[in-house]
């Protein structure tokens, strides 16, 4: 599972952590319905999660398009707007859970959060 935080928003560490957690939960719930086998494999292998950072929404949308073409599940976290950003702001993009060999060609060179 890869979780990408939108850097240009300059979220506080706590806010970023919560956004990443939202993405992980959404991806897990989606995997329960979409591919139980992939979910079970991911759970049995330790629930690997990688947190990355891209500066702009445009960069994140590009990654989303590449992931979708590769058949990788994606999810956006849009903030409710109660604290640091306006309602509906896309704060985090989640991908997976998928095998490392599938994710790495798309996210392997992106900077860690």
C-alpha atoms as a PDB file:
ATOM      1  CA  UNK A   1       0.000   0.000   0.000  1.00  0.00           C
ATOM      2  CA  UNK A   2       1.317   3.425  -0.942  1.00  0.00           C
ATOM      3  CA  UNK A   3      -0.013   6.615   0.649  1.00  0.00           C
ATOM      4  CA  UNK A   4       0.910   9.928  -0.956  1.00  0.00           C
ATOM      5  CA  UNK A   5       0.519  13.212   0.924  1.00  0.00           C
ATOM      6  CA  UNK A   6       0.032  16.485  -0.951  1.00  0.00           C
ATOM      7  CA  UNK A   7       3.069  18.555   0.031  1.00  0.00           C
ATOM      8  CA  UNK A   8       1.932  21.985  -1.138  1.00  0.00           C
ATOM      9  CA  UNK A   9      -0.729  21.976   1.592  1.00  0.00           C
ATOM     10  CA  UNK A  10       1.929  21.994   4.344  1.00  0.00           C
ATOM     11  CA  UNK A  11      -0.243  19.909   6.653  1.00  0.00           C
ATOM     12  CA  UNK A  12       0.818  19.584  10.270  1.00  0.00           C
ATOM     13  CA  UNK A  13       2.326  16.178  11.120  1.00  0.00           C
ATOM     14  CA  UNK A  14      -0.811  15.134  12.978  1.00  0.00           C
ATOM     15  CA  UNK A  15      -3.120  16.177  10.159  1.00  0.00           C
ATOM     16  CA  UNK A  16      -0.984  14.343   7.585  1.00  0.00           C
ATOM     17  CA  UNK A  17      -1.011  11.208   9.758  1.00  0.00           C
ATOM     18  CA  UNK A  18      -4.793  11.265   9.966  1.00  0.00           C
ATOM     19  CA  UNK A  19      -5.162  11.746   6.209  1.00  0.00           C
ATOM     20  CA  UNK A  20      -2.856   8.780   5.543  1.00  0.00           C
ATOM     21  CA  UNK A  21      -4.869   6.714   8.035  1.00  0.00           C
ATOM     22  CA  UNK A  22      -8.103   7.617   6.236  1.00  0.00           C
ATOM     23  CA  UNK A  23      -6.599   6.444   2.927  1.00  0.00           C
ATOM     24  CA  UNK A  24      -5.412   3.152   4.455  1.00  0.00           C
ATOM     25  CA  UNK A  25      -8.848   2.413   5.900  1.00  0.00           C
ATOM     26  CA  UNK A  26     -10.609   3.292   2.628  1.00  0.00           C
ATOM     27  CA  UNK A  27      -8.262   1.087   0.599  1.00  0.00           C
ATOM     28  CA  UNK A  28      -8.675  -1.805   3.020  1.00  0.00           C
ATOM     29  CA  UNK A  29     -12.463  -1.559   2.889  1.00  0.00           C
ATOM     30  CA  UNK A  30     -12.375  -1.407  -0.901  1.00  0.00           C
ATOM     31  CA  UNK A  31     -10.080  -4.443  -1.042  1.00  0.00           C
ATOM     32  CA  UNK A  32     -12.526  -6.403   1.130  1.00  0.00           C
ATOM     33  CA  UNK A  33     -15.125  -6.011  -1.593  1.00  0.00           C
ATOM     34  CA  UNK A  34     -12.881  -6.068  -4.669  1.00  0.00           C
ATOM     35  CA  UNK A  35     -10.175  -8.668  -4.141  1.00  0.00           C
ATOM     36  CA  UNK A  36     -10.310 -10.674  -0.964  1.00  0.00           C
ATOM     37  CA  UNK A  37      -7.264 -12.740  -2.054  1.00  0.00           C
ATOM     38  CA  UNK A  38      -5.089  -9.626  -2.528  1.00  0.00           C
ATOM     39  CA  UNK A  39      -6.249  -8.306   0.839  1.00  0.00           C
ATOM     40  CA  UNK A  40      -5.457 -11.582   2.604  1.00  0.00           C
ATOM     41  CA  UNK A  41      -1.996 -11.710   1.030  1.00  0.00           C
ATOM     42  CA  UNK A  42      -1.310  -8.125   2.116  1.00  0.00           C
ATOM     43  CA  UNK A  43      -2.526  -8.849   5.660  1.00  0.00           C
ATOM     44  CA  UNK A  44      -0.459 -12.031   5.947  1.00  0.00           C
ATOM     45  CA  UNK A  45       2.681 -10.263   4.679  1.00  0.00           C
ATOM     46  CA  UNK A  46       2.545  -7.604   7.403  1.00  0.00           C
ATOM     47  CA  UNK A  47       0.343  -4.858   5.894  1.00  0.00           C
ATOM     48  CA  UNK A  48       3.253  -2.984   4.298  1.00  0.00           C
ATOM     49  CA  UNK A  49       2.577   0.746   3.922  1.00  0.00           C
ATOM     50  CA  UNK A  50       4.838   3.372   2.393  1.00  0.00           C
ATOM     51  CA  UNK A  51       4.205   7.107   2.953  1.00  0.00           C
ATOM     52  CA  UNK A  52       5.352   9.377   0.132  1.00  0.00           C
ATOM     53  CA  UNK A  53       5.041  13.052  -0.670  1.00  0.00           C
ATOM     54  CA  UNK A  54       4.406  14.874  -3.913  1.00  0.00           C
ATOM     55  CA  UNK A  55       4.215  18.628  -4.029  1.00  0.00           C
ATOM     56  CA  UNK A  56       1.219  19.203  -6.276  1.00  0.00           C
ATOM     57  CA  UNK A  57      -2.212  17.839  -6.964  1.00  0.00           C
ATOM     58  CA  UNK A  58      -1.263  17.581 -10.636  1.00  0.00           C
ATOM     59  CA  UNK A  59       1.647  15.253  -9.811  1.00  0.00           C
ATOM     60  CA  UNK A  60      -0.646  13.102  -7.695  1.00  0.00           C
ATOM     61  CA  UNK A  61      -3.274  12.951 -10.448  1.00  0.00           C
ATOM     62  CA  UNK A  62      -0.581  11.769 -12.855  1.00  0.00           C
ATOM     63  CA  UNK A  63       0.353   8.949 -10.466  1.00  0.00           C
ATOM     64  CA  UNK A  64      -3.322   8.052 -10.104  1.00  0.00           C
ATOM     65  CA  UNK A  65      -3.718   7.768 -13.887  1.00  0.00           C
ATOM     66  CA  UNK A  66      -0.650   5.523 -14.165  1.00  0.00           C
ATOM     67  CA  UNK A  67      -1.885   3.348 -11.298  1.00  0.00           C
ATOM     68  CA  UNK A  68      -5.334   3.008 -12.843  1.00  0.00           C
ATOM     69  CA  UNK A  69      -3.804   1.929 -16.170  1.00  0.00           C
ATOM     70  CA  UNK A  70      -1.856  -0.740 -14.254  1.00  0.00           C
ATOM     71  CA  UNK A  71      -5.014  -1.983 -12.513  1.00  0.00           C
ATOM     72  CA  UNK A  72      -3.975  -0.740  -9.076  1.00  0.00           C
ATOM     73  CA  UNK A  73      -6.863   0.343  -6.828  1.00  0.00           C
ATOM     74  CA  UNK A  74      -6.762   4.028  -5.882  1.00  0.00           C
ATOM     75  CA  UNK A  75      -8.618   6.258  -3.470  1.00  0.00           C
ATOM     76  CA  UNK A  76      -8.587   9.976  -2.720  1.00  0.00           C
ATOM     77  CA  UNK A  77      -9.009  11.467   0.732  1.00  0.00           C
ATOM     78  CA  UNK A  78     -10.946  14.719   0.612  1.00  0.00           C
ATOM     79  CA  UNK A  79     -10.861  16.687   3.836  1.00  0.00           C
ATOM     80  CA  UNK A  80     -14.022  17.738   5.664  1.00  0.00           C
ATOM     81  CA  UNK A  81     -12.526  21.190   6.193  1.00  0.00           C
ATOM     82  CA  UNK A  82     -12.835  21.528   9.948  1.00  0.00           C
ATOM     83  CA  UNK A  83      -9.215  22.435  10.681  1.00  0.00           C
ATOM     84  CA  UNK A  84      -6.381  23.186   8.240  1.00  0.00           C
ATOM     85  CA  UNK A  85      -7.771  23.134   4.700  1.00  0.00           C
ATOM     86  CA  UNK A  86     -11.048  24.028   2.978  1.00  0.00           C
ATOM     87  CA  UNK A  87     -13.772  21.373   2.647  1.00  0.00           C
ATOM     88  CA  UNK A  88     -13.247  19.000  -0.269  1.00  0.00           C
ATOM     89  CA  UNK A  89      -9.494  19.551  -0.512  1.00  0.00           C
ATOM     90  CA  UNK A  90      -7.723  16.444  -1.798  1.00  0.00           C
ATOM     91  CA  UNK A  91      -5.038  15.753   0.792  1.00  0.00           C
ATOM     92  CA  UNK A  92      -3.919  12.180   0.171  1.00  0.00           C
ATOM     93  CA  UNK A  93      -3.887   9.568  -2.580  1.00  0.00           C
ATOM     94  CA  UNK A  94      -3.845   5.897  -1.645  1.00  0.00           C
ATOM     95  CA  UNK A  95      -2.835   3.004  -3.908  1.00  0.00           C
ATOM     96  CA  UNK A  96      -3.213  -0.717  -3.313  1.00  0.00           C
ATOM     97  CA  UNK A  97      -2.913  -2.924  -1.513  1.00  0.00           C
ATOM     98  CA  UNK A  98      -0.870  -4.418  -4.345  1.00  0.00           C
ATOM     99  CA  UNK A  99       2.356  -6.331  -4.690  1.00  0.00           C
ATOM    100  CA  UNK A 100       5.591  -4.361  -4.505  1.00  0.00           C
ATOM    101  CA  UNK A 101       6.487  -5.522  -8.025  1.00  0.00           C
ATOM    102  CA  UNK A 102       3.287  -3.828  -9.279  1.00  0.00           C
ATOM    103  CA  UNK A 103       3.624  -0.607  -7.257  1.00  0.00           C
ATOM    104  CA  UNK A 104       7.365   0.034  -7.657  1.00  0.00           C
ATOM    105  CA  UNK A 105       7.323   0.932 -11.366  1.00  0.00           C
ATOM    106  CA  UNK A 106       4.853   3.710 -10.560  1.00  0.00           C
ATOM    107  CA  UNK A 107       5.934   4.914  -7.118  1.00  0.00           C
ATOM    108  CA  UNK A 108       9.413   3.487  -6.514  1.00  0.00           C
ATOM    109  CA  UNK A 109      11.246   6.712  -7.380  1.00  0.00           C
ATOM    110  CA  UNK A 110       8.957   9.108  -5.471  1.00  0.00           C
ATOM    111  CA  UNK A 111      10.260  10.852  -2.336  1.00  0.00           C
ATOM    112  CA  UNK A 112       9.483   9.480   1.096  1.00  0.00           C
ATOM    113  CA  UNK A 113       7.257  11.583   3.347  1.00  0.00           C
END
